[in-house]
N, C-alpha and C. Protein backbone atom coordinates (compact mmCIF):
# COMPACT_ATOMS: atom_id res chain seq x y z
N MET A 1 97.37 126.70 134.84
CA MET A 1 97.16 125.26 134.61
C MET A 1 96.23 124.80 135.73
N ARG A 2 95.17 124.18 135.30
CA ARG A 2 94.23 123.65 136.27
C ARG A 2 94.50 122.14 136.46
N ILE A 3 94.61 121.57 137.61
CA ILE A 3 94.90 120.25 137.95
C ILE A 3 93.65 119.68 138.63
N THR A 4 93.27 118.52 138.13
CA THR A 4 92.06 117.74 138.67
C THR A 4 92.65 116.29 138.97
N ILE A 5 92.46 115.92 140.27
CA ILE A 5 92.89 114.56 140.69
C ILE A 5 91.71 113.74 141.10
N THR A 6 91.63 112.56 140.47
CA THR A 6 90.56 111.59 140.80
C THR A 6 91.25 110.28 141.31
N ALA A 7 90.79 109.80 142.44
CA ALA A 7 91.12 108.49 142.95
C ALA A 7 90.02 107.51 142.88
N ARG A 8 90.35 106.25 142.30
CA ARG A 8 89.42 105.22 142.08
C ARG A 8 89.70 104.10 142.97
N HIS A 9 88.78 103.55 143.64
CA HIS A 9 88.93 102.41 144.46
C HIS A 9 89.86 102.50 145.58
N PHE A 10 90.17 103.70 146.09
CA PHE A 10 90.98 103.88 147.23
C PHE A 10 90.80 105.43 147.78
N LYS A 11 91.11 105.65 148.95
CA LYS A 11 91.19 107.06 149.46
C LYS A 11 92.55 107.61 149.30
N LEU A 12 92.50 108.79 148.63
CA LEU A 12 93.74 109.48 148.25
C LEU A 12 94.33 110.23 149.44
N SER A 13 95.57 109.89 149.79
CA SER A 13 96.24 110.63 150.95
C SER A 13 96.71 112.00 150.42
N GLU A 14 96.77 112.94 151.40
CA GLU A 14 97.26 114.28 151.08
C GLU A 14 98.64 114.20 150.59
N ARG A 15 99.54 113.35 151.04
CA ARG A 15 100.87 113.22 150.63
C ARG A 15 100.92 112.79 149.14
N MET A 16 100.13 111.87 148.75
CA MET A 16 100.12 111.35 147.43
C MET A 16 99.54 112.42 146.47
N LYS A 17 98.60 113.17 146.93
CA LYS A 17 98.02 114.26 146.06
C LYS A 17 99.12 115.38 145.85
N ARG A 18 99.85 115.76 146.88
CA ARG A 18 100.85 116.71 146.67
C ARG A 18 101.93 116.26 145.72
N TYR A 19 102.32 114.93 145.93
CA TYR A 19 103.35 114.38 145.06
C TYR A 19 102.98 114.39 143.57
N ALA A 20 101.73 113.88 143.23
CA ALA A 20 101.30 113.95 141.92
C ALA A 20 101.21 115.38 141.30
N GLU A 21 100.79 116.39 142.06
CA GLU A 21 100.73 117.77 141.62
C GLU A 21 102.12 118.19 141.34
N ARG A 22 102.97 117.91 142.20
CA ARG A 22 104.48 118.38 142.07
C ARG A 22 104.99 117.83 140.89
N GLU A 23 104.82 116.54 140.66
CA GLU A 23 105.33 115.84 139.42
C GLU A 23 104.72 116.36 138.16
N VAL A 24 103.49 116.67 138.09
CA VAL A 24 102.81 117.16 136.81
C VAL A 24 103.30 118.62 136.67
N PHE A 25 103.51 119.39 137.74
CA PHE A 25 103.95 120.78 137.61
C PHE A 25 105.29 120.86 136.91
N ARG A 26 106.04 119.78 137.01
CA ARG A 26 107.34 119.73 136.31
C ARG A 26 107.17 119.87 134.82
N LEU A 27 106.05 119.44 134.25
CA LEU A 27 105.85 119.53 132.83
C LEU A 27 105.77 120.96 132.30
N LYS A 28 105.48 121.90 133.16
CA LYS A 28 105.44 123.32 132.74
C LYS A 28 106.76 123.74 132.19
N ARG A 29 107.88 123.12 132.58
CA ARG A 29 109.20 123.53 132.07
C ARG A 29 109.23 123.23 130.55
N TYR A 30 108.65 122.31 130.06
CA TYR A 30 108.70 121.82 128.69
C TYR A 30 107.85 122.49 127.73
N TYR A 31 106.60 122.84 128.29
CA TYR A 31 105.71 123.69 127.41
C TYR A 31 104.79 124.44 128.36
N ASP A 32 104.68 125.80 127.95
CA ASP A 32 103.99 126.77 128.75
C ASP A 32 102.48 126.79 128.48
N GLY A 33 102.01 126.09 127.44
CA GLY A 33 100.65 126.32 127.12
C GLY A 33 99.76 125.23 127.59
N ILE A 34 100.13 124.57 128.69
CA ILE A 34 99.20 123.54 129.24
C ILE A 34 97.96 124.21 129.80
N ILE A 35 96.85 123.76 129.50
CA ILE A 35 95.56 124.40 129.91
C ILE A 35 94.99 123.61 131.12
N ASP A 36 94.71 122.32 130.95
CA ASP A 36 94.20 121.41 131.98
C ASP A 36 95.06 120.22 132.08
N VAL A 37 95.06 119.60 133.37
CA VAL A 37 95.65 118.38 133.55
C VAL A 37 94.64 117.55 134.46
N ASP A 38 94.32 116.26 133.98
CA ASP A 38 93.48 115.39 134.73
C ASP A 38 94.34 114.17 135.07
N ILE A 39 94.37 113.98 136.45
CA ILE A 39 95.16 112.81 136.89
C ILE A 39 94.16 111.88 137.46
N ILE A 40 94.19 110.61 137.02
CA ILE A 40 93.24 109.58 137.48
C ILE A 40 94.18 108.42 138.07
N LEU A 41 94.08 108.24 139.37
CA LEU A 41 94.78 107.28 140.04
C LEU A 41 93.85 106.06 140.49
N SER A 42 94.15 104.80 140.03
CA SER A 42 93.30 103.76 140.38
C SER A 42 94.11 102.70 140.98
N TRP A 43 93.32 101.89 141.84
CA TRP A 43 93.94 100.84 142.60
C TRP A 43 93.23 99.58 142.21
N GLU A 44 94.00 98.60 141.61
CA GLU A 44 93.51 97.33 141.19
C GLU A 44 94.15 96.30 142.23
N LYS A 45 93.92 95.06 141.95
CA LYS A 45 94.37 94.01 142.82
C LYS A 45 95.75 94.18 143.26
N LYS A 46 96.75 94.01 142.39
CA LYS A 46 98.11 94.11 142.71
C LYS A 46 98.82 95.20 142.04
N THR A 47 98.07 95.94 141.17
CA THR A 47 98.75 97.05 140.43
C THR A 47 98.06 98.32 140.75
N ARG A 48 98.91 99.36 140.59
CA ARG A 48 98.45 100.73 140.67
C ARG A 48 98.48 101.37 139.27
N LEU A 49 97.49 102.10 138.89
CA LEU A 49 97.29 102.64 137.57
C LEU A 49 97.27 104.19 137.73
N ALA A 50 98.07 104.80 136.91
CA ALA A 50 98.14 106.26 136.79
C ALA A 50 97.86 106.64 135.42
N GLU A 51 96.88 107.57 135.24
CA GLU A 51 96.47 107.93 133.86
C GLU A 51 96.51 109.50 134.00
N ILE A 52 97.17 110.11 133.13
CA ILE A 52 97.31 111.58 133.10
C ILE A 52 96.94 112.04 131.76
N ASN A 53 96.04 113.00 131.59
CA ASN A 53 95.54 113.67 130.43
C ASN A 53 95.94 115.17 130.51
N ILE A 54 96.57 115.55 129.47
CA ILE A 54 96.96 116.96 129.43
C ILE A 54 96.20 117.67 128.24
N SER A 55 95.55 118.75 128.44
CA SER A 55 94.99 119.52 127.33
C SER A 55 95.88 120.68 127.03
N VAL A 56 96.37 120.75 125.73
CA VAL A 56 97.07 121.89 125.24
C VAL A 56 96.23 122.37 124.06
N TYR A 57 96.67 123.47 123.52
CA TYR A 57 95.87 124.15 122.53
C TYR A 57 95.63 123.16 121.30
N GLY A 58 94.44 122.79 121.12
CA GLY A 58 94.03 121.89 120.04
C GLY A 58 94.26 120.42 120.14
N THR A 59 94.85 120.02 121.24
CA THR A 59 95.12 118.54 121.35
C THR A 59 95.11 118.08 122.82
N VAL A 60 94.85 116.86 123.02
CA VAL A 60 94.99 116.17 124.40
C VAL A 60 96.09 115.07 124.29
N LEU A 61 96.96 115.21 125.24
CA LEU A 61 98.07 114.24 125.29
C LEU A 61 97.71 113.29 126.54
N THR A 62 97.91 112.05 126.38
CA THR A 62 97.50 111.05 127.38
C THR A 62 98.65 110.08 127.63
N ALA A 63 98.75 109.67 128.91
CA ALA A 63 99.83 108.61 129.30
C ALA A 63 99.11 107.69 130.33
N HIS A 64 99.27 106.42 130.17
CA HIS A 64 98.73 105.40 131.14
C HIS A 64 100.02 104.59 131.57
N GLU A 65 100.10 104.33 132.84
CA GLU A 65 101.24 103.56 133.38
C GLU A 65 100.78 102.67 134.53
N ARG A 66 101.18 101.47 134.52
CA ARG A 66 100.93 100.52 135.64
C ARG A 66 102.12 100.03 136.25
N SER A 67 102.15 99.88 137.58
CA SER A 67 103.19 99.33 138.39
C SER A 67 102.66 98.84 139.67
N GLU A 68 103.60 98.35 140.56
CA GLU A 68 103.16 97.93 141.89
C GLU A 68 103.22 99.08 142.96
N ASP A 69 103.68 100.21 142.46
CA ASP A 69 103.88 101.37 143.49
C ASP A 69 103.21 102.62 142.71
N MET A 70 102.43 103.33 143.40
CA MET A 70 101.70 104.40 142.89
C MET A 70 102.64 105.56 142.42
N THR A 71 103.71 105.83 143.19
CA THR A 71 104.59 106.88 142.89
C THR A 71 105.50 106.46 141.58
N LYS A 72 105.66 105.29 141.50
CA LYS A 72 106.41 104.81 140.32
C LYS A 72 105.50 104.97 139.09
N SER A 73 104.25 104.69 139.20
CA SER A 73 103.33 104.81 138.08
C SER A 73 103.20 106.30 137.69
N VAL A 74 103.13 107.12 138.60
CA VAL A 74 103.06 108.61 138.40
C VAL A 74 104.25 109.07 137.68
N ASP A 75 105.47 108.70 138.22
CA ASP A 75 106.72 109.10 137.60
C ASP A 75 106.82 108.62 136.13
N ARG A 76 106.45 107.38 135.92
CA ARG A 76 106.65 106.99 134.56
C ARG A 76 105.63 107.64 133.57
N ALA A 77 104.38 107.90 133.96
CA ALA A 77 103.41 108.55 133.12
C ALA A 77 103.93 109.94 132.81
N VAL A 78 104.50 110.60 133.91
CA VAL A 78 105.01 112.03 133.69
C VAL A 78 106.18 111.93 132.67
N ASP A 79 107.04 110.97 132.76
CA ASP A 79 108.09 110.84 131.81
C ASP A 79 107.59 110.64 130.34
N LYS A 80 106.55 109.83 130.33
CA LYS A 80 106.00 109.58 128.89
C LYS A 80 105.42 111.01 128.39
N LEU A 81 104.78 111.75 129.26
CA LEU A 81 104.26 113.01 128.91
C LEU A 81 105.35 113.98 128.53
N GLU A 82 106.43 114.04 129.18
CA GLU A 82 107.63 114.81 128.80
C GLU A 82 107.97 114.70 127.35
N ARG A 83 108.10 113.38 127.04
CA ARG A 83 108.35 113.07 125.66
C ARG A 83 107.40 113.57 124.65
N GLN A 84 106.14 113.25 125.02
CA GLN A 84 105.06 113.68 124.14
C GLN A 84 105.05 115.30 123.94
N LEU A 85 105.26 116.02 124.98
CA LEU A 85 105.29 117.41 124.97
C LEU A 85 106.43 117.89 124.05
N LYS A 86 107.57 117.31 124.25
CA LYS A 86 108.76 117.71 123.42
C LYS A 86 108.38 117.52 121.98
N LYS A 87 107.78 116.35 121.61
CA LYS A 87 107.45 116.07 120.24
C LYS A 87 106.45 117.02 119.67
N TYR A 88 105.45 117.36 120.63
CA TYR A 88 104.39 118.29 120.19
C TYR A 88 105.01 119.71 119.90
N LYS A 89 105.90 120.13 120.83
CA LYS A 89 106.53 121.44 120.67
C LYS A 89 107.44 121.49 119.40
N ASP A 90 108.11 120.35 119.18
CA ASP A 90 108.96 120.35 117.95
C ASP A 90 108.10 120.49 116.66
N ARG A 91 106.96 119.72 116.61
CA ARG A 91 106.03 119.76 115.60
C ARG A 91 105.44 121.18 115.36
N LEU A 92 105.14 121.87 116.46
CA LEU A 92 104.68 123.21 116.29
C LEU A 92 105.75 124.20 115.62
N TRP A 93 106.99 124.06 116.22
CA TRP A 93 108.10 124.90 115.73
C TRP A 93 108.46 124.49 114.22
N GLY A 94 108.36 123.24 113.98
CA GLY A 94 108.73 122.80 112.62
C GLY A 94 107.78 123.33 111.61
N PHE A 95 106.45 123.33 112.01
CA PHE A 95 105.40 123.91 111.04
C PHE A 95 105.62 125.37 110.80
N GLU A 96 105.95 126.06 111.81
CA GLU A 96 106.08 127.46 111.58
C GLU A 96 107.30 127.80 110.65
N HIS A 97 108.41 126.99 110.85
CA HIS A 97 109.57 127.28 110.00
C HIS A 97 109.29 126.80 108.55
N GLU A 98 108.53 125.80 108.34
CA GLU A 98 108.22 125.38 106.95
C GLU A 98 107.36 126.48 106.20
N THR A 99 106.50 127.08 106.96
CA THR A 99 105.63 128.10 106.21
C THR A 99 106.39 129.33 106.00
N MET A 100 107.37 129.68 106.78
CA MET A 100 108.04 130.86 106.59
C MET A 100 109.22 130.76 105.54
N GLY A 101 109.70 129.61 105.31
CA GLY A 101 110.91 129.36 104.54
C GLY A 101 110.55 129.23 102.98
N SER A 102 110.40 130.33 102.31
CA SER A 102 110.12 130.25 100.83
C SER A 102 111.27 130.62 99.97
N GLU A 103 112.41 131.06 100.64
CA GLU A 103 113.55 131.51 99.80
C GLU A 103 114.16 130.39 98.91
N PRO A 104 114.29 129.08 99.33
CA PRO A 104 114.90 128.10 98.42
C PRO A 104 114.03 128.01 97.12
N PHE A 105 112.76 128.19 97.25
CA PHE A 105 111.92 128.06 96.11
C PHE A 105 112.18 129.13 95.13
N GLN A 106 112.43 130.39 95.67
CA GLN A 106 112.63 131.51 94.72
C GLN A 106 113.94 131.39 94.16
N GLY A 107 114.96 130.88 94.76
CA GLY A 107 116.40 130.71 94.29
C GLY A 107 116.23 129.73 93.01
N GLU A 108 115.45 128.68 93.15
CA GLU A 108 115.36 127.67 92.02
C GLU A 108 114.69 128.35 90.83
N VAL A 109 113.66 129.19 91.04
CA VAL A 109 113.01 129.86 89.97
C VAL A 109 114.00 130.87 89.22
N GLU A 110 114.80 131.58 90.01
CA GLU A 110 115.74 132.46 89.40
C GLU A 110 116.74 131.67 88.57
N GLU A 111 117.25 130.56 89.09
CA GLU A 111 118.17 129.77 88.25
C GLU A 111 117.54 129.28 86.98
N SER A 112 116.31 128.76 87.03
CA SER A 112 115.67 128.32 85.82
C SER A 112 115.48 129.35 84.75
N PHE A 113 115.13 130.58 85.31
CA PHE A 113 115.05 131.75 84.31
C PHE A 113 116.39 132.05 83.73
N GLY A 114 117.40 132.02 84.54
CA GLY A 114 118.75 132.37 83.94
C GLY A 114 119.12 131.45 82.88
N LYS A 115 118.89 130.04 83.05
CA LYS A 115 119.20 129.11 82.02
C LYS A 115 118.35 129.32 80.76
N ALA A 116 117.13 129.57 80.91
CA ALA A 116 116.24 129.70 79.77
C ALA A 116 116.59 130.93 78.98
N GLY A 117 116.92 132.04 79.70
CA GLY A 117 117.27 133.29 78.93
C GLY A 117 118.56 133.27 78.30
N GLY A 118 119.42 132.48 78.67
CA GLY A 118 120.81 132.60 78.23
C GLY A 118 121.34 131.46 77.46
């Protein structure tokens, strides 16, 4: 997992950089196929904006969050991405199960042949 951090309109402290990396690394628990992570932290008048983009196989998941504290913005964005990763993973698993499950269809065909023949 490659992590890129960009700070806009302020100088990023080492402490904040480590914090953002540690929080994003938490996402590895939910899905192992994360390729790239782009963290964009920006400083506006009274709000702090955290934007996190995650590249997984075939898709990019994005979360934007604003608050008055940068750590709170990062936490909320990571929480949004946790939910998105869980949904993404469920969709992947659901798709695989749908393609493999052809037994109910065969059972219906056998029943219809049994009724027609008898």
